[in-house]
Amino acid sequence: ITLNLALRKLEQMLPKPGAAPAAAPVAGGAHDGMPLRIAHLQQ
């Protein structure tokens, strides 16, 4: 069900045959980092 809905949306977003591909954004460029807490592995 989820895949069928996703395919319809993706079809609209994929570059058409022969069209120049859009420049890919640089992932994570706007992030200063992701905070996490420290945890110890339980025995």
Full PDB file with SEQRES, HELIX, SHEET, SSBOND, CRYST1, ORIGX, SCALE, CONECT and MASTER records, all heavy atoms in Angstrom:
SEQRES   1 A   43  ILE THR LEU ASN LEU ALA LEU ARG LYS LEU GLU GLN MET          
SEQRES   2 A   43  LEU PRO LYS PRO GLY ALA ALA PRO ALA ALA ALA PRO VAL          
SEQRES   3 A   43  ALA GLY GLY ALA HIS ASP GLY MET PRO LEU ARG ILE ALA          
SEQRES   4 A   43  HIS LEU GLN GLN                                              
HELIX    1 AA1 THR A    2  MET A   13  1                                  12    
CRYST1    1.000    1.000    1.000  90.00  90.00  90.00 P 1           1          
ORIGX1      1.000000  0.000000  0.000000        0.00000                         
ORIGX2      0.000000  1.000000  0.000000        0.00000                         
ORIGX3      0.000000  0.000000  1.000000        0.00000                         
SCALE1      1.000000  0.000000  0.000000        0.00000                         
SCALE2      0.000000  1.000000  0.000000        0.00000                         
SCALE3      0.000000  0.000000  1.000000        0.00000                         
ATOM      1  N   ILE A   1       0.842  -1.205   0.000  1.00  0.00           N  
ATOM      2  CA  ILE A   1       0.000   0.000   0.000  1.00  0.00           C  
ATOM      3  C   ILE A   1       0.873   1.250   0.000  1.00  0.00           C  
ATOM      4  O   ILE A   1       0.680   2.178  -0.792  1.00  0.00           O  
ATOM      5  CB  ILE A   1      -0.946  -0.001   1.223  1.00  0.00           C  
ATOM      6  CG1 ILE A   1      -1.998  -1.093   1.081  1.00  0.00           C  
ATOM      7  CG2 ILE A   1      -1.614   1.362   1.383  1.00  0.00           C  
ATOM      8  CD1 ILE A   1      -2.844  -1.299   2.324  1.00  0.00           C  
ATOM      9  N   THR A   2       1.863   1.276   0.900  1.00  0.00           N  
ATOM     10  CA  THR A   2       2.757   2.440   0.991  1.00  0.00           C  
ATOM     11  C   THR A   2       3.583   2.586  -0.278  1.00  0.00           C  
ATOM     12  O   THR A   2       3.800   3.699  -0.773  1.00  0.00           O  
ATOM     13  CB  THR A   2       3.690   2.287   2.211  1.00  0.00           C  
ATOM     14  OG1 THR A   2       2.911   2.054   3.380  1.00  0.00           O  
ATOM     15  CG2 THR A   2       4.528   3.542   2.417  1.00  0.00           C  
ATOM     16  N   LEU A   3       4.034   1.466  -0.821  1.00  0.00           N  
ATOM     17  CA  LEU A   3       4.865   1.493  -2.022  1.00  0.00           C  
ATOM     18  C   LEU A   3       4.090   1.986  -3.230  1.00  0.00           C  
ATOM     19  O   LEU A   3       4.607   2.769  -4.040  1.00  0.00           O  
ATOM     20  CB  LEU A   3       5.428   0.100  -2.279  1.00  0.00           C  
ATOM     21  CG  LEU A   3       6.548  -0.045  -3.306  1.00  0.00           C  
ATOM     22  CD1 LEU A   3       7.685   0.917  -3.020  1.00  0.00           C  
ATOM     23  CD2 LEU A   3       7.065  -1.475  -3.321  1.00  0.00           C  
ATOM     24  N   ASN A   4       2.845   1.570  -3.372  1.00  0.00           N  
ATOM     25  CA  ASN A   4       2.030   2.035  -4.498  1.00  0.00           C  
ATOM     26  C   ASN A   4       1.836   3.549  -4.460  1.00  0.00           C  
ATOM     27  O   ASN A   4       1.910   4.231  -5.489  1.00  0.00           O  
ATOM     28  CB  ASN A   4       0.669   1.337  -4.486  1.00  0.00           C  
ATOM     29  CG  ASN A   4       0.760  -0.123  -4.907  1.00  0.00           C  
ATOM     30  OD1 ASN A   4       1.685  -0.503  -5.621  1.00  0.00           O  
ATOM     31  ND2 ASN A   4      -0.179  -0.937  -4.465  1.00  0.00           N  
ATOM     32  N   LEU A   5       1.591   4.091  -3.267  1.00  0.00           N  
ATOM     33  CA  LEU A   5       1.447   5.548  -3.132  1.00  0.00           C  
ATOM     34  C   LEU A   5       2.760   6.251  -3.425  1.00  0.00           C  
ATOM     35  O   LEU A   5       2.791   7.293  -4.089  1.00  0.00           O  
ATOM     36  CB  LEU A   5       0.958   5.894  -1.724  1.00  0.00           C  
ATOM     37  CG  LEU A   5      -0.452   5.426  -1.349  1.00  0.00           C  
ATOM     38  CD1 LEU A   5      -0.717   5.678   0.132  1.00  0.00           C  
ATOM     39  CD2 LEU A   5      -1.498   6.130  -2.204  1.00  0.00           C  
ATOM     40  N   ALA A   6       3.861   5.657  -2.952  1.00  0.00           N  
ATOM     41  CA  ALA A   6       5.176   6.270  -3.148  1.00  0.00           C  
ATOM     42  C   ALA A   6       5.559   6.301  -4.626  1.00  0.00           C  
ATOM     43  O   ALA A   6       6.123   7.288  -5.114  1.00  0.00           O  
ATOM     44  CB  ALA A   6       6.229   5.498  -2.348  1.00  0.00           C  
ATOM     45  N   LEU A   7       5.240   5.241  -5.355  1.00  0.00           N  
ATOM     46  CA  LEU A   7       5.614   5.170  -6.766  1.00  0.00           C  
ATOM     47  C   LEU A   7       4.940   6.274  -7.579  1.00  0.00           C  
ATOM     48  O   LEU A   7       5.551   6.842  -8.486  1.00  0.00           O  
ATOM     49  CB  LEU A   7       5.245   3.796  -7.334  1.00  0.00           C  
ATOM     50  CG  LEU A   7       6.081   2.615  -6.827  1.00  0.00           C  
ATOM     51  CD1 LEU A   7       5.592   1.314  -7.434  1.00  0.00           C  
ATOM     52  CD2 LEU A   7       7.547   2.813  -7.135  1.00  0.00           C  
ATOM     53  N   ARG A   8       3.704   6.574  -7.251  1.00  0.00           N  
ATOM     54  CA  ARG A   8       2.999   7.654  -7.973  1.00  0.00           C  
ATOM     55  C   ARG A   8       3.703   9.002  -7.757  1.00  0.00           C  
ATOM     56  O   ARG A   8       3.848   9.788  -8.686  1.00  0.00           O  
ATOM     57  CB  ARG A   8       1.548   7.743  -7.492  1.00  0.00           C  
ATOM     58  CG  ARG A   8       0.705   6.519  -7.834  1.00  0.00           C  
ATOM     59  CD  ARG A   8      -0.656   6.599  -7.192  1.00  0.00           C  
ATOM     60  NE  ARG A   8      -1.328   5.298  -7.206  1.00  0.00           N  
ATOM     61  CZ  ARG A   8      -2.367   5.009  -6.449  1.00  0.00           C  
ATOM     62  NH1 ARG A   8      -2.848   5.916  -5.591  1.00  0.00           N  
ATOM     63  NH2 ARG A   8      -2.935   3.816  -6.524  1.00  0.00           N  
ATOM     64  N   LYS A   9       4.123   9.242  -6.532  1.00  0.00           N  
ATOM     65  CA  LYS A   9       4.806  10.506  -6.237  1.00  0.00           C  
ATOM     66  C   LYS A   9       6.191  10.536  -6.888  1.00  0.00           C  
ATOM     67  O   LYS A   9       6.602  11.556  -7.437  1.00  0.00           O  
ATOM     68  CB  LYS A   9       4.934  10.690  -4.718  1.00  0.00           C  
ATOM     69  CG  LYS A   9       3.606  10.812  -3.992  1.00  0.00           C  
ATOM     70  CD  LYS A   9       3.819  10.934  -2.487  1.00  0.00           C  
ATOM     71  CE  LYS A   9       2.512  11.005  -1.730  1.00  0.00           C  
ATOM     72  NZ  LYS A   9       2.717  11.076  -0.259  1.00  0.00           N  
ATOM     73  N   LEU A  10       6.903   9.413  -6.819  1.00  0.00           N  
ATOM     74  CA  LEU A  10       8.253   9.369  -7.373  1.00  0.00           C  
ATOM     75  C   LEU A  10       8.249   9.539  -8.886  1.00  0.00           C  
ATOM     76  O   LEU A  10       9.169  10.139  -9.459  1.00  0.00           O  
ATOM     77  CB  LEU A  10       8.930   8.049  -6.995  1.00  0.00           C  
ATOM     78  CG  LEU A  10       9.310   7.884  -5.520  1.00  0.00           C  
ATOM     79  CD1 LEU A  10       9.744   6.450  -5.231  1.00  0.00           C  
ATOM     80  CD2 LEU A  10      10.416   8.859  -5.131  1.00  0.00           C  
ATOM     81  N   GLU A  11       7.225   9.022  -9.554  1.00  0.00           N  
ATOM     82  CA  GLU A  11       7.134   9.154 -11.011  1.00  0.00           C  
ATOM     83  C   GLU A  11       7.121  10.628 -11.424  1.00  0.00           C  
ATOM     84  O   GLU A  11       7.682  10.996 -12.459  1.00  0.00           O  
ATOM     85  CB  GLU A  11       5.878   8.460 -11.540  1.00  0.00           C  
ATOM     86  CG  GLU A  11       5.968   6.949 -11.585  1.00  0.00           C  
ATOM     87  CD  GLU A  11       6.785   6.428 -12.763  1.00  0.00           C  
ATOM     88  OE1 GLU A  11       7.435   7.235 -13.449  1.00  0.00           O  
ATOM     89  OE2 GLU A  11       6.783   5.211 -12.975  1.00  0.00           O  
ATOM     90  N   GLN A  12       6.503  11.460 -10.601  1.00  0.00           N  
ATOM     91  CA  GLN A  12       6.433  12.894 -10.903  1.00  0.00           C  
ATOM     92  C   GLN A  12       7.753  13.610 -10.635  1.00  0.00           C  
ATOM     93  O   GLN A  12       8.002  14.682 -11.177  1.00  0.00           O  
ATOM     94  CB  GLN A  12       5.331  13.549 -10.055  1.00  0.00           C  
ATOM     95  CG  GLN A  12       3.950  12.930 -10.223  1.00  0.00           C  
ATOM     96  CD  GLN A  12       3.454  13.018 -11.652  1.00  0.00           C  
ATOM     97  OE1 GLN A  12       3.598  14.058 -12.308  1.00  0.00           O  
ATOM     98  NE2 GLN A  12       2.865  11.935 -12.147  1.00  0.00           N  
ATOM     99  N   MET A  13       8.589  12.996  -9.815  1.00  0.00           N  
ATOM    100  CA  MET A  13       9.829  13.648  -9.409  1.00  0.00           C  
ATOM    101  C   MET A  13      11.045  13.198 -10.215  1.00  0.00           C  
ATOM    102  O   MET A  13      12.059  13.878 -10.242  1.00  0.00           O  
ATOM    103  CB  MET A  13      10.086  13.376  -7.920  1.00  0.00           C  
ATOM    104  CG  MET A  13       8.956  13.824  -7.014  1.00  0.00           C  
ATOM    105  SD  MET A  13       9.151  13.292  -5.292  1.00  0.00           S  
ATOM    106  CE  MET A  13      10.522  14.312  -4.791  1.00  0.00           C  
ATOM    107  N   LEU A  14      10.955  12.031 -10.841  1.00  0.00           N  
ATOM    108  CA  LEU A  14      12.089  11.525 -11.607  1.00  0.00           C  
ATOM    109  C   LEU A  14      12.320  12.360 -12.860  1.00  0.00           C  
ATOM    110  O   LEU A  14      11.363  12.827 -13.484  1.00  0.00           O  
ATOM    111  CB  LEU A  14      11.842  10.067 -12.010  1.00  0.00           C  
ATOM    112  CG  LEU A  14      11.955   9.035 -10.895  1.00  0.00           C  
ATOM    113  CD1 LEU A  14      11.424   7.689 -11.370  1.00  0.00           C  
ATOM    114  CD2 LEU A  14      13.394   8.902 -10.436  1.00  0.00           C  
ATOM    115  N   PRO A  15      13.585  12.581 -13.245  1.00  0.00           N  
ATOM    116  CA  PRO A  15      13.860  13.329 -14.475  1.00  0.00           C  
ATOM    117  C   PRO A  15      13.335  12.585 -15.687  1.00  0.00           C  
ATOM    118  O   PRO A  15      13.405  11.360 -15.758  1.00  0.00           O  
ATOM    119  CB  PRO A  15      15.401  13.416 -14.496  1.00  0.00           C  
ATOM    120  CG  PRO A  15      15.869  12.297 -13.629  1.00  0.00           C  
ATOM    121  CD  PRO A  15      14.818  12.126 -12.574  1.00  0.00           C  
ATOM    122  N   LYS A  16      12.768  13.327 -16.628  1.00  0.00           N  
ATOM    123  CA  LYS A  16      12.257  12.726 -17.851  1.00  0.00           C  
ATOM    124  C   LYS A  16      13.421  12.236 -18.709  1.00  0.00           C  
ATOM    125  O   LYS A  16      14.506  12.795 -18.668  1.00  0.00           O  
ATOM    126  CB  LYS A  16      11.417  13.736 -18.637  1.00  0.00           C  
ATOM    127  CG  LYS A  16      10.265  14.337 -17.835  1.00  0.00           C  
ATOM    128  CD  LYS A  16       9.309  13.260 -17.349  1.00  0.00           C  
ATOM    129  CE  LYS A  16       8.174  13.857 -16.519  1.00  0.00           C  
ATOM    130  NZ  LYS A  16       7.310  12.805 -15.943  1.00  0.00           N  
ATOM    131  N   PRO A  17      13.196  11.174 -19.499  1.00  0.00           N  
ATOM    132  CA  PRO A  17      14.262  10.673 -20.380  1.00  0.00           C  
ATOM    133  C   PRO A  17      14.801  11.774 -21.280  1.00  0.00           C  
ATOM    134  O   PRO A  17      14.041  12.502 -21.923  1.00  0.00           O  
ATOM    135  CB  PRO A  17      13.551   9.587 -21.205  1.00  0.00           C  
ATOM    136  CG  PRO A  17      12.424   9.127 -20.321  1.00  0.00           C  
ATOM    137  CD  PRO A  17      11.976  10.353 -19.583  1.00  0.00           C  
ATOM    138  N   GLY A  18      16.127  11.937 -21.269  1.00  0.00           N  
ATOM    139  CA  GLY A  18      16.755  12.965 -22.093  1.00  0.00           C  
ATOM    140  C   GLY A  18      16.939  14.288 -21.397  1.00  0.00           C  
ATOM    141  O   GLY A  18      17.667  15.162 -21.886  1.00  0.00           O  
ATOM    142  N   ALA A  19      16.285  14.463 -20.229  1.00  0.00           N  
ATOM    143  CA  ALA A  19      16.417  15.733 -19.509  1.00  0.00           C  
ATOM    144  C   ALA A  19      17.702  15.734 -18.698  1.00  0.00           C  
ATOM    145  O   ALA A  19      18.170  14.696 -18.227  1.00  0.00           O  
ATOM    146  CB  ALA A  19      15.225  15.936 -18.577  1.00  0.00           C  
ATOM    147  N   ALA A  20      18.305  16.905 -18.540  1.00  0.00           N  
ATOM    148  CA  ALA A  20      19.528  17.023 -17.749  1.00  0.00           C  
ATOM    149  C   ALA A  20      19.191  16.810 -16.282  1.00  0.00           C  
ATOM    150  O   ALA A  20      18.225  17.371 -15.777  1.00  0.00           O  
ATOM    151  CB  ALA A  20      20.152  18.405 -17.940  1.00  0.00           C  
ATOM    152  N   PRO A  21      19.933  15.981 -15.565  1.00  0.00           N  
ATOM    153  CA  PRO A  21      19.638  15.734 -14.151  1.00  0.00           C  
ATOM    154  C   PRO A  21      19.873  16.969 -13.306  1.00  0.00           C  
ATOM    155  O   PRO A  21      20.801  17.733 -13.561  1.00  0.00           O  
ATOM    156  CB  PRO A  21      20.621  14.611 -13.769  1.00  0.00           C  
ATOM    157  CG  PRO A  21      21.747  14.741 -14.753  1.00  0.00           C  
ATOM    158  CD  PRO A  21      21.129  15.244 -16.023  1.00  0.00           C  
ATOM    159  N   ALA A  22      19.012  17.133 -12.306  1.00  0.00           N  
ATOM    160  CA  ALA A  22      19.153  18.273 -11.402  1.00  0.00           C  
ATOM    161  C   ALA A  22      20.360  18.062 -10.502  1.00  0.00           C  
ATOM    162  O   ALA A  22      20.724  16.940 -10.156  1.00  0.00           O  
ATOM    163  CB  ALA A  22      17.891  18.424 -10.555  1.00  0.00           C  
ATOM    164  N   ALA A  23      21.011  19.148 -10.138  1.00  0.00           N  
ATOM    165  CA  ALA A  23      22.178  19.042  -9.254  1.00  0.00           C  
ATOM    166  C   ALA A  23      21.734  18.552  -7.895  1.00  0.00           C  
ATOM    167  O   ALA A  23      20.749  19.025  -7.337  1.00  0.00           O  
ATOM    168  CB  ALA A  23      22.850  20.412  -9.132  1.00  0.00           C  
ATOM    169  N   ALA A  24      22.417  17.580  -7.364  1.00  0.00           N  
ATOM    170  CA  ALA A  24      22.054  17.003  -6.069  1.00  0.00           C  
ATOM    171  C   ALA A  24      22.495  17.931  -4.951  1.00  0.00           C  
ATOM    172  O   ALA A  24      23.611  18.453  -4.970  1.00  0.00           O  
ATOM    173  CB  ALA A  24      22.725  15.640  -5.891  1.00  0.00           C  
ATOM    174  N   PRO A  25      21.627  18.160  -3.954  1.00  0.00           N  
ATOM    175  CA  PRO A  25      22.016  19.003  -2.827  1.00  0.00           C  
ATOM    176  C   PRO A  25      23.077  18.318  -1.987  1.00  0.00           C  
ATOM    177  O   PRO A  25      23.167  17.094  -1.945  1.00  0.00           O  
ATOM    178  CB  PRO A  25      20.698  19.143  -2.028  1.00  0.00           C  
ATOM    179  CG  PRO A  25      19.916  17.919  -2.387  1.00  0.00           C  
ATOM    180  CD  PRO A  25      20.270  17.601  -3.804  1.00  0.00           C  
ATOM    181  N   VAL A  26      23.910  19.101  -1.338  1.00  0.00           N  
ATOM    182  CA  VAL A  26      24.935  18.548  -0.457  1.00  0.00           C  
ATOM    183  C   VAL A  26      24.283  18.178   0.854  1.00  0.00           C  
ATOM    184  O   VAL A  26      23.789  19.035   1.582  1.00  0.00           O  
ATOM    185  CB  VAL A  26      26.069  19.573  -0.224  1.00  0.00           C  
ATOM    186  CG1 VAL A  26      27.096  18.998   0.728  1.00  0.00           C  
ATOM    187  CG2 VAL A  26      26.689  19.970  -1.549  1.00  0.00           C  
ATOM    188  N   ALA A  27      24.237  16.875   1.141  1.00  0.00           N  
ATOM    189  CA  ALA A  27      23.546  16.397   2.336  1.00  0.00           C  
ATOM    190  C   ALA A  27      24.270  16.841   3.589  1.00  0.00           C  
ATOM    191  O   ALA A  27      25.481  16.774   3.683  1.00  0.00           O  
ATOM    192  CB  ALA A  27      23.456  14.858   2.306  1.00  0.00           C  
ATOM    193  N   GLY A  28      23.460  17.264   4.560  1.00  0.00           N  
ATOM    194  CA  GLY A  28      24.013  17.582   5.868  1.00  0.00           C  
ATOM    195  C   GLY A  28      24.754  18.907   5.932  1.00  0.00           C  
ATOM    196  O   GLY A  28      25.325  19.241   6.952  1.00  0.00           O  
ATOM    197  N   GLY A  29      24.752  19.686   4.854  1.00  0.00           N  
ATOM    198  CA  GLY A  29      25.533  20.902   4.843  1.00  0.00           C  
ATOM    199  C   GLY A  29      25.035  21.963   5.803  1.00  0.00           C  
ATOM    200  O   GLY A  29      25.773  22.807   6.261  1.00  0.00           O  
ATOM    201  N   ALA A  30      23.705  21.906   6.092  1.00  0.00           N  
ATOM    202  CA  ALA A  30      23.123  22.935   6.942  1.00  0.00           C  
ATOM    203  C   ALA A  30      23.185  22.550   8.428  1.00  0.00           C  
ATOM    204  O   ALA A  30      22.701  23.273   9.266  1.00  0.00           O  
ATOM    205  CB  ALA A  30      21.659  23.176   6.538  1.00  0.00           C  
ATOM    206  N   HIS A  31      23.760  21.382   8.733  1.00  0.00           N  
ATOM    207  CA  HIS A  31      23.768  20.911  10.104  1.00  0.00           C  
ATOM    208  C   HIS A  31      25.111  21.182  10.768  1.00  0.00           C  
ATOM    209  O   HIS A  31      26.161  20.999  10.177  1.00  0.00           O  
ATOM    210  CB  HIS A  31      23.484  19.413  10.141  1.00  0.00           C  
ATOM    211  CG  HIS A  31      22.144  19.050   9.578  1.00  0.00           C  
ATOM    212  ND1 HIS A  31      20.964  19.523  10.082  1.00  0.00           N  
ATOM    213  CD2 HIS A  31      21.815  18.248   8.521  1.00  0.00           C  
ATOM    214  CE1 HIS A  31      19.964  19.020   9.394  1.00  0.00           C  
ATOM    215  NE2 HIS A  31      20.444  18.263   8.441  1.00  0.00           N  
ATOM    216  N   ASP A  32      25.063  21.607  12.021  1.00  0.00           N  
ATOM    217  CA  ASP A  32      26.277  21.733  12.814  1.00  0.00           C  
ATOM    218  C   ASP A  32      26.609  20.418  13.497  1.00  0.00           C  
ATOM    219  O   ASP A  32      27.703  20.235  14.006  1.00  0.00           O  
ATOM    220  CB  ASP A  32      26.088  22.828  13.873  1.00  0.00           C  
ATOM    221  CG  ASP A  32      25.965  24.199  13.237  1.00  0.00           C  
ATOM    222  OD1 ASP A  32      26.582  24.421  12.187  1.00  0.00           O  
ATOM    223  OD2 ASP A  32      25.228  25.030  13.784  1.00  0.00           O  
ATOM    224  N   GLY A  33      25.680  19.491  13.512  1.00  0.00           N  
ATOM    225  CA  GLY A  33      25.880  18.208  14.161  1.00  0.00           C  
ATOM    226  C   GLY A  33      24.603  17.760  14.841  1.00  0.00           C  
ATOM    227  O   GLY A  33      23.670  18.534  15.037  1.00  0.00           O  
ATOM    228  N   MET A  34      24.578  16.505  15.211  1.00  0.00           N  
ATOM    229  CA  MET A  34      23.394  15.926  15.855  1.00  0.00           C  
ATOM    230  C   MET A  34      23.733  15.559  17.290  1.00  0.00           C  
ATOM    231  O   MET A  34      24.720  14.870  17.542  1.00  0.00           O  
ATOM    232  CB  MET A  34      22.954  14.687  15.075  1.00  0.00           C  
ATOM    233  CG  MET A  34      21.755  13.978  15.673  1.00  0.00           C  
ATOM    234  SD  MET A  34      21.262  12.562  14.637  1.00  0.00           S  
ATOM    235  CE  MET A  34      19.908  11.912  15.647  1.00  0.00           C  
ATOM    236  N   PRO A  35      22.933  16.015  18.249  1.00  0.00           N  
ATOM    237  CA  PRO A  35      23.220  15.695  19.651  1.00  0.00           C  
ATOM    238  C   PRO A  35      22.738  14.289  20.016  1.00  0.00           C  
ATOM    239  O   PRO A  35      21.669  13.845  19.590  1.00  0.00           O  
ATOM    240  CB  PRO A  35      22.422  16.760  20.419  1.00  0.00           C  
ATOM    241  CG  PRO A  35      21.279  17.095  19.506  1.00  0.00           C  
ATOM    242  CD  PRO A  35      21.790  16.948  18.108  1.00  0.00           C  
ATOM    243  N   LEU A  36      23.531  13.586  20.800  1.00  0.00           N  
ATOM    244  CA  LEU A  36      23.160  12.281  21.335  1.00  0.00           C  
ATOM    245  C   LEU A  36      23.597  12.219  22.795  1.00  0.00           C  
ATOM    246  O   LEU A  36      24.496  12.943  23.210  1.00  0.00           O  
ATOM    247  CB  LEU A  36      23.837  11.150  20.560  1.00  0.00           C  
ATOM    248  CG  LEU A  36      23.407  10.895  19.107  1.00  0.00           C  
ATOM    249  CD1 LEU A  36      24.246   9.767  18.521  1.00  0.00           C  
ATOM    250  CD2 LEU A  36      21.928  10.562  19.014  1.00  0.00           C  
ATOM    251  N   ARG A  37      22.971  11.341  23.562  1.00  0.00           N  
ATOM    252  CA  ARG A  37      23.393  11.120  24.946  1.00  0.00           C  
ATOM    253  C   ARG A  37      24.318   9.906  24.990  1.00  0.00           C  
ATOM    254  O   ARG A  37      24.238   9.007  24.154  1.00  0.00           O  
ATOM    255  CB  ARG A  37      22.186  10.898  25.856  1.00  0.00           C  
ATOM    256  CG  ARG A  37      21.384   9.650  25.509  1.00  0.00           C  
ATOM    257  CD  ARG A  37      20.197   9.473  26.448  1.00  0.00           C  
ATOM    258  NE  ARG A  37      19.375   8.340  26.033  1.00  0.00           N  
ATOM    259  CZ  ARG A  37      19.574   7.077  26.385  1.00  0.00           C  
ATOM    260  NH1 ARG A  37      20.594   6.788  27.185  1.00  0.00           N  
ATOM    261  NH2 ARG A  37      18.788   6.108  25.959  1.00  0.00           N  
ATOM    262  N   ILE A  38      25.194   9.879  25.962  1.00  0.00           N  
ATOM    263  CA  ILE A  38      26.095   8.757  26.154  1.00  0.00           C  
ATOM    264  C   ILE A  38      25.385   7.667  26.961  1.00  0.00           C  
ATOM    265  O   ILE A  38      24.722   7.945  27.960  1.00  0.00           O  
ATOM    266  CB  ILE A  38      27.379   9.199  26.893  1.00  0.00           C  
ATOM    267  CG1 ILE A  38      28.225  10.094  25.992  1.00  0.00           C  
ATOM    268  CG2 ILE A  38      28.185   7.988  27.342  1.00  0.00           C  
ATOM    269  CD1 ILE A  38      28.809   9.393  24.788  1.00  0.00           C  
ATOM    270  N   ALA A  39      25.498   6.433  26.501  1.00  0.00           N  
ATOM    271  CA  ALA A  39      24.927   5.302  27.235  1.00  0.00           C  
ATOM    272  C   ALA A  39      25.969   4.197  27.303  1.00  0.00           C  
ATOM    273  O   ALA A  39      26.803   4.039  26.406  1.00  0.00           O  
ATOM    274  CB  ALA A  39      23.660   4.801  26.550  1.00  0.00           C  
ATOM    275  N   HIS A  40      25.926   3.431  28.388  1.00  0.00           N  
ATOM    276  CA  HIS A  40      26.807   2.280  28.552  1.00  0.00           C  
ATOM    277  C   HIS A  40      26.036   1.024  28.180  1.00  0.00           C  
ATOM    278  O   HIS A  40      24.858   0.883  28.520  1.00  0.00           O  
ATOM    279  CB  HIS A  40      27.300   2.164  29.994  1.00  0.00           C  
ATOM    280  CG  HIS A  40      28.230   3.268  30.377  1.00  0.00           C  
ATOM    281  ND1 HIS A  40      28.506   3.587  31.691  1.00  0.00           N  
ATOM    282  CD2 HIS A  40      28.942   4.144  29.623  1.00  0.00           C  
ATOM    283  CE1 HIS A  40      29.362   4.605  31.726  1.00  0.00           C  
ATOM    284  NE2 HIS A  40      29.619   4.957  30.475  1.00  0.00           N  
ATOM    285  N   LEU A  41      26.684   0.106  27.508  1.00  0.00           N  
ATOM    286  CA  LEU A  41      26.055  -1.146  27.116  1.00  0.00           C  
ATOM    287  C   LEU A  41      25.800  -1.999  28.351  1.00  0.00           C  
ATOM    288  O   LEU A  41      26.701  -2.240  29.152  1.00  0.00           O  
ATOM    289  CB  LEU A  41      26.962  -1.892  26.138  1.00  0.00           C  
ATOM    290  CG  LEU A  41      26.346  -3.076  25.395  1.00  0.00           C  
ATOM    291  CD1 LEU A  41      25.250  -2.597  24.462  1.00  0.00           C  
ATOM    292  CD2 LEU A  41      27.415  -3.810  24.617  1.00  0.00           C  
ATOM    293  N   GLN A  42      24.539  -2.429  28.522  1.00  0.00           N  
ATOM    294  CA  GLN A  42      24.217  -3.272  29.662  1.00  0.00           C  
ATOM    295  C   GLN A  42      24.826  -4.658  29.472  1.00  0.00           C  
ATOM    296  O   GLN A  42      24.862  -5.198  28.368  1.00  0.00           O  
ATOM    297  CB  GLN A  42      22.690  -3.401  29.809  1.00  0.00           C  
ATOM    298  CG  GLN A  42      21.985  -2.085  30.085  1.00  0.00           C  
ATOM    299  CD  GLN A  42      22.438  -1.449  31.390  1.00  0.00           C  
ATOM    300  OE1 GLN A  42      22.548  -2.137  32.409  1.00  0.00           O  
ATOM    301  NE2 GLN A  42      22.719  -0.152  31.360  1.00  0.00           N  
ATOM    302  N   GLN A  43      25.311  -5.228  30.542  1.00  0.00           N  
ATOM    303  CA  GLN A  43      25.991  -6.523  30.483  1.00  0.00           C  
ATOM    304  C   GLN A  43      25.069  -7.583  29.889  1.00  0.00           C  
ATOM    305  O   GLN A  43      23.918  -7.720  30.290  1.00  0.00           O  
ATOM    306  CB  GLN A  43      26.442  -6.947  31.875  1.00  0.00           C  
ATOM    307  CG  GLN A  43      27.327  -8.192  31.853  1.00  0.00           C  
ATOM    308  CD  GLN A  43      27.880  -8.495  33.234  1.00  0.00           C  
ATOM    309  OE1 GLN A  43      27.503  -7.869  34.205  1.00  0.00           O  
ATOM    310  NE2 GLN A  43      28.783  -9.458  33.310  1.00  0.00           N  
TER     311      GLN A  43                                                      
MASTER        0    0    0    1    0    0    0    6  310    1    0    4          
END                                                                             
